[in-house]
PDB file of N, CA and C in Angstrom:
ATOM      1  N   MET A   1     108.598  96.538 124.523  1.00  0.00           N
ATOM      2  CA  MET A   1     109.099  95.259 124.073  1.00  0.00           C
ATOM      3  C   MET A   1     107.953  94.258 123.913  1.00  0.00           C
ATOM      4  N   ILE A   2     107.034  94.216 124.853  1.00  0.00           N
ATOM      5  CA  ILE A   2     105.904  93.296 124.767  1.00  0.00           C
ATOM      6  C   ILE A   2     105.029  93.663 123.572  1.00  0.00           C
ATOM      7  N   LYS A   3     104.800  94.961 123.373  1.00  0.00           N
ATOM      8  CA  LYS A   3     103.993  95.419 122.245  1.00  0.00           C
ATOM      9  C   LYS A   3     104.661  95.012 120.930  1.00  0.00           C
ATOM     10  N   GLN A   4     105.968  95.158 120.839  1.00  0.00           N
ATOM     11  CA  GLN A   4     106.732  94.776 119.641  1.00  0.00           C
ATOM     12  C   GLN A   4     106.599  93.278 119.373  1.00  0.00           C
ATOM     13  N   ASP A   5     106.766  92.456 120.407  1.00  0.00           N
ATOM     14  CA  ASP A   5     106.645  91.004 120.252  1.00  0.00           C
ATOM     15  C   ASP A   5     105.237  90.619 119.798  1.00  0.00           C
ATOM     16  N   TYR A   6     104.228  91.266 120.360  1.00  0.00           N
ATOM     17  CA  TYR A   6     102.850  90.991 119.988  1.00  0.00           C
ATOM     18  C   TYR A   6     102.620  91.344 118.521  1.00  0.00           C
ATOM     19  N   LEU A   7     103.130  92.484 118.097  1.00  0.00           N
ATOM     20  CA  LEU A   7     102.983  92.919 116.714  1.00  0.00           C
ATOM     21  C   LEU A   7     103.628  91.914 115.765  1.00  0.00           C
ATOM     22  N   ILE A   8     104.814  91.471 116.082  1.00  0.00           N
ATOM     23  CA  ILE A   8     105.512  90.503 115.240  1.00  0.00           C
ATOM     24  C   ILE A   8     104.748  89.180 115.191  1.00  0.00           C
ATOM     25  N   ARG A   9     104.208  88.742 116.324  1.00  0.00           N
ATOM     26  CA  ARG A   9     103.408  87.509 116.334  1.00  0.00           C
ATOM     27  C   ARG A   9     102.157  87.651 115.475  1.00  0.00           C
ATOM     28  N   MET A  10     101.509  88.811 115.538  1.00  0.00           N
ATOM     29  CA  MET A  10     100.324  89.053 114.710  1.00  0.00           C
ATOM     30  C   MET A  10     100.695  88.987 113.226  1.00  0.00           C
ATOM     31  N   ILE A  11     101.802  89.626 112.865  1.00  0.00           N
ATOM     32  CA  ILE A  11     102.252  89.618 111.473  1.00  0.00           C
ATOM     33  C   ILE A  11     102.519  88.184 111.027  1.00  0.00           C
ATOM     34  N   GLN A  12     103.216  87.424 111.840  1.00  0.00           N
ATOM     35  CA  GLN A  12     103.533  86.039 111.496  1.00  0.00           C
ATOM     36  C   GLN A  12     102.275  85.193 111.363  1.00  0.00           C
ATOM     37  N   GLN A  13     101.289  85.435 112.203  1.00  0.00           N
ATOM     38  CA  GLN A  13     100.036  84.680 112.135  1.00  0.00           C
ATOM     39  C   GLN A  13      99.312  84.954 110.819  1.00  0.00           C
ATOM     40  N   VAL A  14      99.236  86.214 110.428  1.00  0.00           N
ATOM     41  CA  VAL A  14      98.561  86.561 109.182  1.00  0.00           C
ATOM     42  C   VAL A  14      99.329  85.978 108.000  1.00  0.00           C
ATOM     43  N   ILE A  15     100.646  86.119 108.002  1.00  0.00           N
ATOM     44  CA  ILE A  15     101.467  85.592 106.912  1.00  0.00           C
ATOM     45  C   ILE A  15     101.289  84.079 106.798  1.00  0.00           C
ATOM     46  N   SER A  16     101.337  83.376 107.907  1.00  0.00           N
ATOM     47  CA  SER A  16     101.192  81.920 107.886  1.00  0.00           C
ATOM     48  C   SER A  16      99.837  81.497 107.329  1.00  0.00           C
ATOM     49  N   ALA A  17      98.790  82.186 107.706  1.00  0.00           N
ATOM     50  CA  ALA A  17      97.453  81.846 107.207  1.00  0.00           C
ATOM     51  C   ALA A  17      97.364  82.063 105.701  1.00  0.00           C
ATOM     52  N   ILE A  18      97.944  83.145 105.218  1.00  0.00           N
ATOM     53  CA  ILE A  18      97.893  83.425 103.784  1.00  0.00           C
ATOM     54  C   ILE A  18      98.755  82.415 103.017  1.00  0.00           C
ATOM     55  N   VAL A  19      99.936  82.116 103.532  1.00  0.00           N
ATOM     56  CA  VAL A  19     100.800  81.131 102.874  1.00  0.00           C
ATOM     57  C   VAL A  19     100.087  79.785 102.780  1.00  0.00           C
ATOM     58  N   GLU A  20      99.477  79.370 103.851  1.00  0.00           N
ATOM     59  CA  GLU A  20      98.755  78.087 103.844  1.00  0.00           C
ATOM     60  C   GLU A  20      97.651  78.102 102.796  1.00  0.00           C
ATOM     61  N   SER A  21      96.923  79.199 102.721  1.00  0.00           N
ATOM     62  CA  SER A  21      95.851  79.316 101.739  1.00  0.00           C
ATOM     63  C   SER A  21      96.404  79.259 100.317  1.00  0.00           C
ATOM     64  N   LEU A  22      97.517  79.942 100.078  1.00  0.00           N
ATOM     65  CA  LEU A  22      98.116  79.953  98.743  1.00  0.00           C
ATOM     66  C   LEU A  22      98.662  78.580  98.357  1.00  0.00           C
ATOM     67  N   LEU A  23      99.347  77.945  99.283  1.00  0.00           N
ATOM     68  CA  LEU A  23      99.955  76.649  98.980  1.00  0.00           C
ATOM     69  C   LEU A  23      98.909  75.564  98.748  1.00  0.00           C
ATOM     70  N   ARG A  24      97.844  75.624  99.480  1.00  0.00           N
ATOM     71  CA  ARG A  24      96.793  74.607  99.339  1.00  0.00           C
ATOM     72  C   ARG A  24      95.803  74.936  98.233  1.00  0.00           C
ATOM     73  N   ARG A  25      95.970  76.141  97.652  1.00  0.00           N
ATOM     74  CA  ARG A  25      95.036  76.591  96.617  1.00  0.00           C
ATOM     75  C   ARG A  25      93.600  76.513  97.107  1.00  0.00           C
ATOM     76  N   LYS A  26      93.448  76.830  98.369  1.00  0.00           N
ATOM     77  CA  LYS A  26      92.140  76.769  99.002  1.00  0.00           C
ATOM     78  C   LYS A  26      91.792  78.182  99.455  1.00  0.00           C
ATOM     79  N   PRO A  27      90.716  78.739  98.945  1.00  0.00           N
ATOM     80  CA  PRO A  27      90.355  80.092  99.362  1.00  0.00           C
ATOM     81  C   PRO A  27      89.990  80.158 100.845  1.00  0.00           C
ATOM     82  N   MET A  28      90.309  81.274 101.448  1.00  0.00           N
ATOM     83  CA  MET A  28      89.915  81.488 102.844  1.00  0.00           C
ATOM     84  C   MET A  28      88.421  81.768 102.887  1.00  0.00           C
ATOM     85  N   ARG A  29      87.814  81.365 103.966  1.00  0.00           N
ATOM     86  CA  ARG A  29      86.412  81.733 104.163  1.00  0.00           C
ATOM     87  C   ARG A  29      86.339  83.253 104.271  1.00  0.00           C
ATOM     88  N   LYS A  30      85.223  83.807 103.840  1.00  0.00           N
ATOM     89  CA  LYS A  30      85.070  85.263 103.834  1.00  0.00           C
ATOM     90  C   LYS A  30      85.302  85.851 105.229  1.00  0.00           C
ATOM     91  N   GLN A  31      84.744  85.239 106.248  1.00  0.00           N
ATOM     92  CA  GLN A  31      84.896  85.741 107.612  1.00  0.00           C
ATOM     93  C   GLN A  31      86.358  85.702 108.048  1.00  0.00           C
ATOM     94  N   GLU A  32      87.052  84.618 107.690  1.00  0.00           N
ATOM     95  CA  GLU A  32      88.460  84.470 108.048  1.00  0.00           C
ATOM     96  C   GLU A  32      89.305  85.551 107.356  1.00  0.00           C
ATOM     97  N   TRP A  33      89.050  85.782 106.049  1.00  0.00           N
ATOM     98  CA  TRP A  33      89.795  86.799 105.315  1.00  0.00           C
ATOM     99  C   TRP A  33      89.515  88.189 105.881  1.00  0.00           C
ATOM    100  N   GLU A  34      88.271  88.473 106.231  1.00  0.00           N
ATOM    101  CA  GLU A  34      87.938  89.777 106.807  1.00  0.00           C
ATOM    102  C   GLU A  34      88.683  90.002 108.117  1.00  0.00           C
ATOM    103  N   GLU A  35      88.818  88.949 108.922  1.00  0.00           N
ATOM    104  CA  GLU A  35      89.548  89.057 110.184  1.00  0.00           C
ATOM    105  C   GLU A  35      91.027  89.357 109.918  1.00  0.00           C
ATOM    106  N   TYR A  36      91.640  88.590 109.010  1.00  0.00           N
ATOM    107  CA  TYR A  36      93.050  88.808 108.706  1.00  0.00           C
ATOM    108  C   TYR A  36      93.275  90.141 107.998  1.00  0.00           C
ATOM    109  N   ASP A  37      92.332  90.521 107.139  1.00  0.00           N
ATOM    110  CA  ASP A  37      92.438  91.810 106.456  1.00  0.00           C
ATOM    111  C   ASP A  37      92.371  92.949 107.464  1.00  0.00           C
ATOM    112  N   GLY A  38      91.520  92.820 108.463  1.00  0.00           N
ATOM    113  CA  GLY A  38      91.427  93.846 109.506  1.00  0.00           C
ATOM    114  C   GLY A  38      92.716  93.972 110.299  1.00  0.00           C
ATOM    115  N   MET A  39      93.315  92.829 110.636  1.00  0.00           N
ATOM    116  CA  MET A  39      94.602  92.858 111.346  1.00  0.00           C
ATOM    117  C   MET A  39      95.675  93.468 110.463  1.00  0.00           C
ATOM    118  N   ALA A  40      95.696  93.075 109.186  1.00  0.00           N
ATOM    119  CA  ALA A  40      96.696  93.612 108.258  1.00  0.00           C
ATOM    120  C   ALA A  40      96.529  95.121 108.122  1.00  0.00           C
ATOM    121  N   ARG A  41      95.297  95.597 108.039  1.00  0.00           N
ATOM    122  CA  ARG A  41      95.032  97.037 107.927  1.00  0.00           C
ATOM    123  C   ARG A  41      95.581  97.780 109.145  1.00  0.00           C
ATOM    124  N   GLN A  42      95.372  97.227 110.324  1.00  0.00           N
ATOM    125  CA  GLN A  42      95.889  97.863 111.543  1.00  0.00           C
ATOM    126  C   GLN A  42      97.415  97.904 111.542  1.00  0.00           C
ATOM    127  N   ILE A  43      98.035  96.824 111.123  1.00  0.00           N
ATOM    128  CA  ILE A  43      99.489  96.732 111.147  1.00  0.00           C
ATOM    129  C   ILE A  43     100.119  97.594 110.049  1.00  0.00           C
ATOM    130  N   LEU A  44      99.562  97.504 108.836  1.00  0.00           N
ATOM    131  CA  LEU A  44     100.151  98.211 107.705  1.00  0.00           C
ATOM    132  C   LEU A  44      99.822  99.691 107.679  1.00  0.00           C
ATOM    133  N   GLY A  45      98.673 100.040 108.199  1.00  0.00           N
ATOM    134  CA  GLY A  45      98.263 101.444 108.180  1.00  0.00           C
ATOM    135  C   GLY A  45      97.444 101.807 106.954  1.00  0.00           C
ATOM    136  N   PHE A  46      97.048 100.823 106.168  1.00  0.00           N
ATOM    137  CA  PHE A  46      96.184 101.045 105.008  1.00  0.00           C
ATOM    138  C   PHE A  46      95.475  99.744 104.672  1.00  0.00           C
ATOM    139  N   SER A  47      94.402  99.845 103.902  1.00  0.00           N
ATOM    140  CA  SER A  47      93.583  98.674 103.580  1.00  0.00           C
ATOM    141  C   SER A  47      94.127  97.937 102.358  1.00  0.00           C
ATOM    142  N   ALA A  48      93.603  96.749 102.145  1.00  0.00           N
ATOM    143  CA  ALA A  48      93.961  95.970 100.964  1.00  0.00           C
ATOM    144  C   ALA A  48      93.552  96.717  99.695  1.00  0.00           C
ATOM    145  N   GLU A  49      92.445  97.414  99.739  1.00  0.00           N
ATOM    146  CA  GLU A  49      92.006  98.197  98.585  1.00  0.00           C
ATOM    147  C   GLU A  49      93.015  99.290  98.251  1.00  0.00           C
ATOM    148  N   GLU A  50      93.552  99.950  99.274  1.00  0.00           N
ATOM    149  CA  GLU A  50      94.579 100.966  99.040  1.00  0.00           C
ATOM    150  C   GLU A  50      95.859 100.332  98.510  1.00  0.00           C
ATOM    151  N   LEU A  51      96.188  99.159  99.013  1.00  0.00           N
ATOM    152  CA  LEU A  51      97.395  98.456  98.576  1.00  0.00           C
ATOM    153  C   LEU A  51      97.330  98.140  97.086  1.00  0.00           C
ATOM    154  N   LYS A  52      96.149  97.868  96.590  1.00  0.00           N
ATOM    155  CA  LYS A  52      95.985  97.575  95.161  1.00  0.00           C
ATOM    156  C   LYS A  52      96.448  98.729  94.281  1.00  0.00           C
ATOM    157  N   THR A  53      96.348  99.942  94.782  1.00  0.00           N
ATOM    158  CA  THR A  53      96.697 101.120  93.977  1.00  0.00           C
ATOM    159  C   THR A  53      98.153 101.546  94.147  1.00  0.00           C
ATOM    160  N   MET A  54      98.878 100.900  95.045  1.00  0.00           N
ATOM    161  CA  MET A  54     100.260 101.282  95.326  1.00  0.00           C
ATOM    162  C   MET A  54     101.223 100.485  94.453  1.00  0.00           C
ATOM    163  N   ASP A  55     102.387 101.084  94.191  1.00  0.00           N
ATOM    164  CA  ASP A  55     103.420 100.298  93.533  1.00  0.00           C
ATOM    165  C   ASP A  55     104.482  99.928  94.569  1.00  0.00           C
ATOM    166  N   ILE A  56     105.460  99.164  94.139  1.00  0.00           N
ATOM    167  CA  ILE A  56     106.464  98.640  95.057  1.00  0.00           C
ATOM    168  C   ILE A  56     107.199  99.750  95.801  1.00  0.00           C
ATOM    169  N   SER A  57     107.563 100.797  95.087  1.00  0.00           N
ATOM    170  CA  SER A  57     108.301 101.889  95.740  1.00  0.00           C
ATOM    171  C   SER A  57     107.458 102.583  96.804  1.00  0.00           C
ATOM    172  N   ASP A  58     106.138 102.659  96.596  1.00  0.00           N
ATOM    173  CA  ASP A  58     105.246 103.235  97.612  1.00  0.00           C
ATOM    174  C   ASP A  58     105.295 102.411  98.894  1.00  0.00           C
ATOM    175  N   VAL A  59     105.240 101.091  98.737  1.00  0.00           N
ATOM    176  CA  VAL A  59     105.255 100.200  99.896  1.00  0.00           C
ATOM    177  C   VAL A  59     106.599 100.304 100.618  1.00  0.00           C
ATOM    178  N   LEU A  60     107.691 100.248  99.856  1.00  0.00           N
ATOM    179  CA  LEU A  60     109.021 100.314 100.473  1.00  0.00           C
ATOM    180  C   LEU A  60     109.240 101.655 101.169  1.00  0.00           C
ATOM    181  N   GLY A  61     108.824 102.738 100.548  1.00  0.00           N
ATOM    182  CA  GLY A  61     109.009 104.067 101.126  1.00  0.00           C
ATOM    183  C   GLY A  61     108.137 104.329 102.342  1.00  0.00           C
ATOM    184  N   ARG A  62     107.021 103.657 102.385  1.00  0.00           N
ATOM    185  CA  ARG A  62     106.066 103.867 103.486  1.00  0.00           C
ATOM    186  C   ARG A  62     106.674 103.540 104.853  1.00  0.00           C
ATOM    187  N   TYR A  63     107.610 102.584 104.875  1.00  0.00           N
ATOM    188  CA  TYR A  63     108.136 102.100 106.147  1.00  0.00           C
ATOM    189  C   TYR A  63     109.588 102.493 106.398  1.00  0.00           C
ATOM    190  N   ASP A  64     110.098 103.480 105.669  1.00  0.00           N
ATOM    191  CA  ASP A  64     111.454 103.964 105.954  1.00  0.00           C
ATOM    192  C   ASP A  64     111.539 104.398 107.412  1.00  0.00           C
ATOM    193  N   GLY A  65     112.538 103.896 108.101  1.00  0.00           N
ATOM    194  CA  GLY A  65     112.751 104.270 109.500  1.00  0.00           C
ATOM    195  C   GLY A  65     111.914 103.485 110.499  1.00  0.00           C
ATOM    196  N   ASP A  66     111.013 102.651 110.041  1.00  0.00           N
ATOM    197  CA  ASP A  66     110.178 101.839 110.936  1.00  0.00           C
ATOM    198  C   ASP A  66     110.980 100.625 111.387  1.00  0.00           C
ATOM    199  N   LYS A  67     111.018 100.374 112.695  1.00  0.00           N
ATOM    200  CA  LYS A  67     111.808  99.239 113.191  1.00  0.00           C
ATOM    201  C   LYS A  67     111.229  97.890 112.774  1.00  0.00           C
ATOM    202  N   ASP A  68     109.972  97.852 112.396  1.00  0.00           N
ATOM    203  CA  ASP A  68     109.330  96.625 111.921  1.00  0.00           C
ATOM    204  C   ASP A  68     109.186  96.635 110.398  1.00  0.00           C
ATOM    205  N   ARG A  69     110.036  97.386 109.737  1.00  0.00           N
ATOM    206  CA  ARG A  69     109.945  97.613 108.294  1.00  0.00           C
ATOM    207  C   ARG A  69     109.830  96.321 107.494  1.00  0.00           C
ATOM    208  N   MET A  70     110.760  95.414 107.675  1.00  0.00           N
ATOM    209  CA  MET A  70     110.776  94.196 106.869  1.00  0.00           C
ATOM    210  C   MET A  70     109.550  93.323 107.131  1.00  0.00           C
ATOM    211  N   ASP A  71     109.115  93.254 108.372  1.00  0.00           N
ATOM    212  CA  ASP A  71     107.921  92.469 108.691  1.00  0.00           C
ATOM    213  C   ASP A  71     106.690  93.054 108.001  1.00  0.00           C
ATOM    214  N   LYS A  72     106.588  94.368 107.994  1.00  0.00           N
ATOM    215  CA  LYS A  72     105.436  95.017 107.366  1.00  0.00           C
ATOM    216  C   LYS A  72     105.484  94.884 105.850  1.00  0.00           C
ATOM    217  N   ILE A  73     106.670  94.984 105.264  1.00  0.00           N
ATOM    218  CA  ILE A  73     106.801  94.793 103.819  1.00  0.00           C
ATOM    219  C   ILE A  73     106.417  93.364 103.447  1.00  0.00           C
ATOM    220  N   GLU A  74     106.859  92.404 104.251  1.00  0.00           N
ATOM    221  CA  GLU A  74     106.504  91.013 103.978  1.00  0.00           C
ATOM    222  C   GLU A  74     104.994  90.808 104.093  1.00  0.00           C
ATOM    223  N   LEU A  75     104.374  91.409 105.070  1.00  0.00           N
ATOM    224  CA  LEU A  75     102.923  91.293 105.214  1.00  0.00           C
ATOM    225  C   LEU A  75     102.222  91.921 104.013  1.00  0.00           C
ATOM    226  N   ALA A  76     102.680  93.084 103.573  1.00  0.00           N
ATOM    227  CA  ALA A  76     102.091  93.724 102.394  1.00  0.00           C
ATOM    228  C   ALA A  76     102.231  92.810 101.174  1.00  0.00           C
ATOM    229  N   ALA A  77     103.376  92.171 101.039  1.00  0.00           N
ATOM    230  CA  ALA A  77     103.594  91.237  99.928  1.00  0.00           C
ATOM    231  C   ALA A  77     102.597  90.096  99.976  1.00  0.00           C
ATOM    232  N   MET A  78     102.395  89.546 101.161  1.00  0.00           N
ATOM    233  CA  MET A  78     101.483  88.417 101.298  1.00  0.00           C
ATOM    234  C   MET A  78     100.041  88.828 100.999  1.00  0.00           C
ATOM    235  N   VAL A  79      99.659  90.021 101.420  1.00  0.00           N
ATOM    236  CA  VAL A  79      98.306  90.504 101.121  1.00  0.00           C
ATOM    237  C   VAL A  79      98.154  90.659  99.614  1.00  0.00           C
ATOM    238  N   LEU A  80      99.170  91.198  98.939  1.00  0.00           N
ATOM    239  CA  LEU A  80      99.113  91.312  97.476  1.00  0.00           C
ATOM    240  C   LEU A  80      98.972  89.947  96.811  1.00  0.00           C
ATOM    241  N   LEU A  81      99.703  88.968  97.307  1.00  0.00           N
ATOM    242  CA  LEU A  81      99.613  87.623  96.732  1.00  0.00           C
ATOM    243  C   LEU A  81      98.233  87.015  96.957  1.00  0.00           C
ATOM    244  N   LYS A  82      97.652  87.277  98.103  1.00  0.00           N
ATOM    245  CA  LYS A  82      96.299  86.777  98.382  1.00  0.00           C
ATOM    246  C   LYS A  82      95.288  87.465  97.468  1.00  0.00           C
ATOM    247  N   ILE A  83      95.461  88.762  97.266  1.00  0.00           N
ATOM    248  CA  ILE A  83      94.574  89.495  96.355  1.00  0.00           C
ATOM    249  C   ILE A  83      94.715  88.920  94.942  1.00  0.00           C
ATOM    250  N   ALA A  84      95.948  88.678  94.513  1.00  0.00           N
ATOM    251  CA  ALA A  84      96.189  88.107  93.184  1.00  0.00           C
ATOM    252  C   ALA A  84      95.508  86.760  93.047  1.00  0.00           C
ATOM    253  N   ASP A  85      95.610  85.954  94.084  1.00  0.00           N
ATOM    254  CA  ASP A  85      95.026  84.622  94.061  1.00  0.00           C
ATOM    255  C   ASP A  85      93.510  84.666  93.905  1.00  0.00           C
ATOM    256  N   GLU A  86      92.894  85.706  94.402  1.00  0.00           N
ATOM    257  CA  GLU A  86      91.437  85.810  94.354  1.00  0.00           C
ATOM    258  C   GLU A  86      90.930  86.670  93.205  1.00  0.00           C
ATOM    259  N   THR A  87      91.837  87.265  92.428  1.00  0.00           N
ATOM    260  CA  THR A  87      91.437  88.081  91.287  1.00  0.00           C
ATOM    261  C   THR A  87      91.225  87.171  90.093  1.00  0.00           C
ATOM    262  N   GLU A  88      90.022  87.123  89.609  1.00  0.00           N
ATOM    263  CA  GLU A  88      89.682  86.240  88.490  1.00  0.00           C
ATOM    264  C   GLU A  88      89.355  87.011  87.217  1.00  0.00           C
ATOM    265  N   SER A  89      88.799  88.204  87.344  1.00  0.00           N
ATOM    266  CA  SER A  89      88.236  88.898  86.198  1.00  0.00           C
ATOM    267  C   SER A  89      89.261  89.597  85.308  1.00  0.00           C
ATOM    268  N   ASP A  90      90.423  89.934  85.822  1.00  0.00           N
ATOM    269  CA  ASP A  90      91.405  90.696  85.059  1.00  0.00           C
ATOM    270  C   ASP A  90      92.780  90.031  85.141  1.00  0.00           C
ATOM    271  N   PRO A  91      93.148  89.244  84.133  1.00  0.00           N
ATOM    272  CA  PRO A  91      94.421  88.521  84.176  1.00  0.00           C
ATOM    273  C   PRO A  91      95.650  89.441  84.294  1.00  0.00           C
ATOM    274  N   GLU A  92      95.605  90.612  83.678  1.00  0.00           N
ATOM    275  CA  GLU A  92      96.742  91.542  83.768  1.00  0.00           C
ATOM    276  C   GLU A  92      96.905  92.075  85.186  1.00  0.00           C
ATOM    277  N   LEU A  93      95.806  92.407  85.821  1.00  0.00           N
ATOM    278  CA  LEU A  93      95.849  92.895  87.197  1.00  0.00           C
ATOM    279  C   LEU A  93      96.311  91.784  88.134  1.00  0.00           C
ATOM    280  N   LYS A  94      95.825  90.586  87.915  1.00  0.00           N
ATOM    281  CA  LYS A  94      96.240  89.424  88.710  1.00  0.00           C
ATOM    282  C   LYS A  94      97.753  89.245  88.599  1.00  0.00           C
ATOM    283  N   ALA A  95      98.287  89.333  87.387  1.00  0.00           N
ATOM    284  CA  ALA A  95      99.732  89.178  87.169  1.00  0.00           C
ATOM    285  C   ALA A  95     100.519  90.289  87.849  1.00  0.00           C
ATOM    286  N   LYS A  96      99.995  91.520  87.825  1.00  0.00           N
ATOM    287  CA  LYS A  96     100.684  92.641  88.475  1.00  0.00           C
ATOM    288  C   LYS A  96     100.765  92.433  89.986  1.00  0.00           C
ATOM    289  N   PHE A  97      99.653  92.054  90.599  1.00  0.00           N
ATOM    290  CA  PHE A  97      99.644  91.831  92.053  1.00  0.00           C
ATOM    291  C   PHE A  97     100.606  90.707  92.426  1.00  0.00           C
ATOM    292  N   ARG A  98     100.604  89.658  91.637  1.00  0.00           N
ATOM    293  CA  ARG A  98     101.490  88.522  91.909  1.00  0.00           C
ATOM    294  C   ARG A  98     102.958  88.919  91.744  1.00  0.00           C
ATOM    295  N   ARG A  99     103.250  89.649  90.680  1.00  0.00           N
ATOM    296  CA  ARG A  99     104.620  90.113  90.428  1.00  0.00           C
ATOM    297  C   ARG A  99     105.098  91.046  91.532  1.00  0.00           C
ATOM    298  N   ASP A 100     104.255  92.005  91.917  1.00  0.00           N
ATOM    299  CA  ASP A 100     104.632  92.953  92.975  1.00  0.00           C
ATOM    300  C   ASP A 100     104.833  92.234  94.306  1.00  0.00           C
ATOM    301  N   GLY A 101     103.931  91.310  94.633  1.00  0.00           N
ATOM    302  CA  GLY A 101     104.076  90.553  95.874  1.00  0.00           C
ATOM    303  C   GLY A 101     105.351  89.735  95.891  1.00  0.00           C
ATOM    304  N   THR A 102     105.648  89.108  94.781  1.00  0.00           N
ATOM    305  CA  THR A 102     106.868  88.303  94.676  1.00  0.00           C
ATOM    306  C   THR A 102     108.113  89.175  94.810  1.00  0.00           C
ATOM    307  N   GLU A 103     108.118  90.318  94.141  1.00  0.00           N
ATOM    308  CA  GLU A 103     109.269  91.226  94.228  1.00  0.00           C
ATOM    309  C   GLU A 103     109.480  91.731  95.653  1.00  0.00           C
ATOM    310  N   LEU A 104     108.393  92.021  96.352  1.00  0.00           N
ATOM    311  CA  LEU A 104     108.527  92.463  97.743  1.00  0.00           C
ATOM    312  C   LEU A 104     109.077  91.347  98.624  1.00  0.00           C
ATOM    313  N   LEU A 105     108.636  90.122  98.408  1.00  0.00           N
ATOM    314  CA  LEU A 105     109.177  88.992  99.174  1.00  0.00           C
ATOM    315  C   LEU A 105     110.667  88.810  98.892  1.00  0.00           C
ATOM    316  N   GLU A 106     111.058  88.943  97.638  1.00  0.00           N
ATOM    317  CA  GLU A 106     112.477  88.835  97.299  1.00  0.00           C
ATOM    318  C   GLU A 106     113.288  89.950  97.964  1.00  0.00           C
ATOM    319  N   TYR A 107     112.714  91.140  98.021  1.00  0.00           N
ATOM    320  CA  TYR A 107     113.381  92.258  98.683  1.00  0.00           C
ATOM    321  C   TYR A 107     113.631  91.929 100.155  1.00  0.00           C
ATOM    322  N   VAL A 108     112.615  91.409 100.811  1.00  0.00           N
ATOM    323  CA  VAL A 108     112.742  91.052 102.229  1.00  0.00           C
ATOM    324  C   VAL A 108     113.773  89.936 102.403  1.00  0.00           C
ATOM    325  N   GLN A 109     113.750  88.966 101.513  1.00  0.00           N
ATOM    326  CA  GLN A 109     114.698  87.850 101.623  1.00  0.00           C
ATOM    327  C   GLN A 109     116.142  88.340 101.451  1.00  0.00           C
ATOM    328  N   ARG A 110     116.356  89.278 100.530  1.00  0.00           N
ATOM    329  CA  ARG A 110     117.702  89.812 100.286  1.00  0.00           C
ATOM    330  C   ARG A 110     118.167  90.770 101.377  1.00  0.00           C
ATOM    331  N   ASN A 111     117.263  91.615 101.855  1.00  0.00           N
ATOM    332  CA  ASN A 111     117.652  92.723 102.722  1.00  0.00           C
ATOM    333  C   ASN A 111     117.217  92.600 104.174  1.00  0.00           C
ATOM    334  N   GLY A 112     116.415  91.601 104.464  1.00  0.00           N
ATOM    335  CA  GLY A 112     115.890  91.442 105.819  1.00  0.00           C
ATOM    336  C   GLY A 112     116.926  90.924 106.797  1.00  0.00           C
ATOM    337  N   HIS A 113     116.595  91.018 108.047  1.00  0.00           N
ATOM    338  CA  HIS A 113     117.493  90.584 109.114  1.00  0.00           C
ATOM    339  C   HIS A 113     117.311  89.109 109.473  1.00  0.00           C
ATOM    340  N   THR A 114     116.335  88.456 108.846  1.00  0.00           N
ATOM    341  CA  THR A 114     116.124  87.034 109.111  1.00  0.00           C
ATOM    342  C   THR A 114     115.983  86.282 107.789  1.00  0.00           C
ATOM    343  N   TYR A 115     116.466  85.057 107.787  1.00  0.00           N
ATOM    344  CA  TYR A 115     116.303  84.176 106.636  1.00  0.00           C
ATOM    345  C   TYR A 115     115.055  83.326 106.876  1.00  0.00           C
ATOM    346  N   SER A 116     114.293  83.109 105.824  1.00  0.00           N
ATOM    347  CA  SER A 116     113.096  82.281 105.946  1.00  0.00           C
ATOM    348  C   SER A 116     113.059  81.267 104.810  1.00  0.00           C
ATOM    349  N   LEU A 117     113.122  80.007 105.167  1.00  0.00           N
ATOM    350  CA  LEU A 117     113.005  78.938 104.175  1.00  0.00           C
ATOM    351  C   LEU A 117     111.608  78.956 103.564  1.00  0.00           C
ATOM    352  N   GLN A 118     110.600  79.214 104.379  1.00  0.00           N
ATOM    353  CA  GLN A 118     109.222  79.301 103.891  1.00  0.00           C
ATOM    354  C   GLN A 118     109.113  80.386 102.823  1.00  0.00           C
ATOM    355  N   ARG A 119     109.701  81.533 103.075  1.00  0.00           N
ATOM    356  CA  ARG A 119     109.670  82.643 102.122  1.00  0.00           C
ATOM    357  C   ARG A 119     110.397  82.256 100.838  1.00  0.00           C
ATOM    358  N   GLU A 120     111.571  81.646 100.987  1.00  0.00           N
ATOM    359  CA  GLU A 120     112.354  81.253  99.820  1.00  0.00           C
ATOM    360  C   GLU A 120     111.588  80.240  98.964  1.00  0.00           C
ATOM    361  N   MET A 121     110.963  79.284  99.596  1.00  0.00           N
ATOM    362  CA  MET A 121     110.208  78.268  98.860  1.00  0.00           C
ATOM    363  C   MET A 121     108.971  78.868  98.187  1.00  0.00           C
ATOM    364  N   LEU A 122     108.326  79.796  98.842  1.00  0.00           N
ATOM    365  CA  LEU A 122     107.165  80.453  98.261  1.00  0.00           C
ATOM    366  C   LEU A 122     107.578  81.253  97.020  1.00  0.00           C
ATOM    367  N   VAL A 123     108.686  81.983  97.115  1.00  0.00           N
ATOM    368  CA  VAL A 123     109.175  82.743  95.961  1.00  0.00           C
ATOM    369  C   VAL A 123     109.500  81.784  94.813  1.00  0.00           C
ATOM    370  N   ALA A 124     110.156  80.684  95.116  1.00  0.00           N
ATOM    371  CA  ALA A 124     110.486  79.699  94.078  1.00  0.00           C
ATOM    372  C   ALA A 124     109.225  79.152  93.424  1.00  0.00           C
ATOM    373  N   MET A 125     108.211  78.867  94.224  1.00  0.00           N
ATOM    374  CA  MET A 125     106.950  78.359  93.693  1.00  0.00           C
ATOM    375  C   MET A 125     106.296  79.421  92.793  1.00  0.00           C
ATOM    376  N   LEU A 126     106.305  80.657  93.245  1.00  0.00           N
ATOM    377  CA  LEU A 126     105.674  81.730  92.491  1.00  0.00           C
ATOM    378  C   LEU A 126     106.392  81.994  91.173  1.00  0.00           C
ATOM    379  N   LYS A 127     107.687  81.778  91.156  1.00  0.00           N
ATOM    380  CA  LYS A 127     108.473  81.991  89.944  1.00  0.00           C
ATOM    381  C   LYS A 127     108.526  80.743  89.075  1.00  0.00           C
ATOM    382  N   GLY A 128     107.904  79.667  89.536  1.00  0.00           N
ATOM    383  CA  GLY A 128     107.831  78.439  88.753  1.00  0.00           C
ATOM    384  C   GLY A 128     109.120  77.662  88.673  1.00  0.00           C
ATOM    385  N   ARG A 129     109.946  77.795  89.692  1.00  0.00           N
ATOM    386  CA  ARG A 129     111.215  77.056  89.706  1.00  0.00           C
ATOM    387  C   ARG A 129     111.009  75.637  90.149  1.00  0.00           C
TER     388      ARG A 129
END
C-alpha cells in the first residue's frame, strides 16, 4: 500500500510539472526534464524515445491488467505532450505527438476512476476550445 501511494505521488508530481510547463509555455530546464524523464521511464517501463515510436493502442495495451493503468496512461500522455511541445523541426511529428497525447488524456478522462478538472481544462486548451 505504501509503495502504491508513493508511485501515485510520483506520477502526480511528474504530471503537475509537465502541465505547468505546458500552460506557461516555458520550457523545463534540461536537468529538470532529465530528472522527470528518468522518473517517467521507471514508472512507465520505457523511455521517452521509445514512446515516440509507439501508437495509442501500444500504450493502452501495455498496461492491461495493471492496477495503476490509468495513472500510467495519463503519464504517458503528458510525456507525449511535453515531447510535442519541444519538437520544432518536424511539424507533422509535433502534431502527431500532440494528437496522441490528447487522445490518451481523453481516454483517461472518459474511462478513469477519477475526474480531473485540470485534465479536462488541459484537453480543452489542446483542442482549442
